Amino acid sequence: MFNLGPLEILLIFGIGLLVLGPRRLPEVAQYLGKFYGMIRKTTWELRQTLDQELLEEDRAERRAEAEKRREEFRAKRAAQRAAEPAPVEPEFGPAVAETTPEPDEEAS
């Protein structure tokens, strides 16, 4: 995270030993370790919360988009059905019956 090599860590440890002394250095190191862990946990929780919120927002946008497309499709389909001519029913009436020959007439 901080890109510290072994020499930098030794230097920081040496300065801490000179400033704090051998008795307080472990206490301060323990405190800093706990503080660092607490910060990492808090940032992880914050990141998870933000990711969850973004995911829910994205899902809501996708649902709205899908519903919009669905409504557009339904409206387009209804307009196409309204524009189509009504199917024409064939007429089976006397005019058709008059043009077909009788079976008896064919034999003669």
Protein backbone atom coordinates (compact mmCIF):
# COMPACT_ATOMS: atom_id res chain seq x y z
CA MET A 1 0.00 0.00 0.00
CA PHE A 2 2.74 2.47 0.92
CA ASN A 3 5.44 0.83 -1.25
CA LEU A 4 7.88 0.58 1.63
CA GLY A 5 10.90 -1.63 1.25
CA PRO A 6 12.75 -3.36 4.09
CA LEU A 7 15.24 -0.49 4.50
CA GLU A 8 12.48 2.10 4.86
CA ILE A 9 10.73 -0.04 7.45
CA LEU A 10 13.96 -0.45 9.43
CA LEU A 11 14.57 3.30 9.28
CA ILE A 12 11.05 4.05 10.57
CA PHE A 13 11.47 1.44 13.31
CA GLY A 14 14.83 2.95 14.33
CA ILE A 15 13.43 6.49 14.48
CA GLY A 16 10.41 5.23 16.45
CA LEU A 17 12.74 3.43 18.88
CA LEU A 18 14.77 6.59 19.43
CA VAL A 19 11.73 8.87 19.84
CA LEU A 20 9.42 6.60 21.85
CA GLY A 21 11.86 4.33 23.62
CA PRO A 22 11.81 0.56 23.97
CA ARG A 23 8.88 0.50 26.44
CA ARG A 24 6.36 2.62 24.52
CA LEU A 25 7.21 1.44 20.98
CA PRO A 26 5.27 -1.89 21.24
CA GLU A 27 2.23 -0.10 22.70
CA VAL A 28 2.23 2.51 19.93
CA ALA A 29 2.78 -0.16 17.26
CA GLN A 30 -0.15 -2.16 18.64
CA TYR A 31 -2.36 0.95 18.67
CA LEU A 32 -1.36 1.83 15.09
CA GLY A 33 -2.04 -1.74 13.96
CA LYS A 34 -5.54 -1.69 15.49
CA PHE A 35 -6.21 1.74 14.04
CA TYR A 36 -5.08 0.59 10.60
CA GLY A 37 -7.31 -2.51 10.83
CA MET A 38 -10.27 -0.39 11.88
CA ILE A 39 -9.74 1.95 8.93
CA ARG A 40 -9.49 -0.97 6.51
CA LYS A 41 -12.68 -2.51 7.90
CA THR A 42 -14.54 0.79 7.66
CA THR A 43 -13.42 1.44 4.09
CA TRP A 44 -14.37 -2.12 3.12
CA GLU A 45 -17.86 -1.68 4.61
CA LEU A 46 -18.23 1.68 2.87
CA ARG A 47 -17.16 0.17 -0.45
CA GLN A 48 -19.64 -2.71 -0.03
CA THR A 49 -22.45 -0.29 0.77
CA LEU A 50 -21.67 1.88 -2.24
CA ASP A 51 -21.42 -1.13 -4.53
CA GLN A 52 -24.77 -2.40 -3.28
CA GLU A 53 -26.42 0.99 -3.82
CA LEU A 54 -24.98 1.27 -7.33
CA LEU A 55 -26.14 -2.25 -8.13
CA GLU A 56 -29.68 -1.51 -6.95
CA GLU A 57 -29.73 1.74 -8.92
CA ASP A 58 -28.52 -0.07 -12.03
CA ARG A 59 -31.19 -2.74 -11.62
CA ALA A 60 -33.88 -0.08 -11.26
CA GLU A 61 -32.68 1.66 -14.42
CA ARG A 62 -32.67 -1.61 -16.33
CA ARG A 63 -36.18 -2.45 -15.15
CA ALA A 64 -37.41 0.99 -16.21
CA GLU A 65 -35.72 0.63 -19.60
CA ALA A 66 -37.22 -2.84 -20.11
CA GLU A 67 -40.69 -1.61 -19.15
CA LYS A 68 -40.34 1.35 -21.53
CA ARG A 69 -39.33 -0.95 -24.40
CA ARG A 70 -42.15 -3.33 -23.56
CA GLU A 71 -44.70 -0.50 -23.70
CA GLU A 72 -43.25 0.80 -26.98
CA PHE A 73 -43.47 -2.68 -28.48
CA ARG A 74 -47.08 -3.10 -27.34
CA ALA A 75 -48.05 0.30 -28.75
CA LYS A 76 -46.33 -0.45 -32.06
CA ARG A 77 -47.99 -3.84 -32.29
CA ALA A 78 -51.41 -2.36 -31.52
CA ALA A 79 -50.88 0.29 -34.22
CA GLN A 80 -49.91 -2.38 -36.75
CA ARG A 81 -52.98 -4.43 -35.92
CA ALA A 82 -55.20 -1.36 -36.27
CA ALA A 83 -53.65 -0.51 -39.65
CA GLU A 84 -54.12 -4.00 -41.08
CA PRO A 85 -57.25 -4.44 -43.17
CA ALA A 86 -59.88 -6.70 -41.75
CA PRO A 87 -59.76 -10.21 -43.20
CA VAL A 88 -62.30 -10.67 -45.98
CA GLU A 89 -64.65 -13.56 -45.48
CA PRO A 90 -65.35 -15.52 -48.66
CA GLU A 91 -68.92 -15.44 -49.79
CA PHE A 92 -70.57 -18.79 -50.18
CA GLY A 93 -73.91 -17.86 -51.50
CA PRO A 94 -76.16 -18.53 -54.43
CA ALA A 95 -73.69 -17.00 -56.91
CA VAL A 96 -71.16 -19.70 -56.21
CA ALA A 97 -73.77 -22.43 -56.27
CA GLU A 98 -75.03 -21.30 -59.71
CA THR A 99 -71.61 -21.59 -61.35
CA THR A 100 -70.89 -25.12 -60.23
CA PRO A 101 -72.37 -27.74 -62.56
CA GLU A 102 -74.73 -30.37 -61.36
CA PRO A 103 -73.34 -33.91 -61.31
CA ASP A 104 -76.20 -35.18 -63.53
CA GLU A 105 -75.45 -32.60 -66.24
CA GLU A 106 -71.85 -33.76 -66.56
CA ALA A 107 -72.88 -37.28 -67.49
CA SER A 108 -75.03 -36.20 -70.45
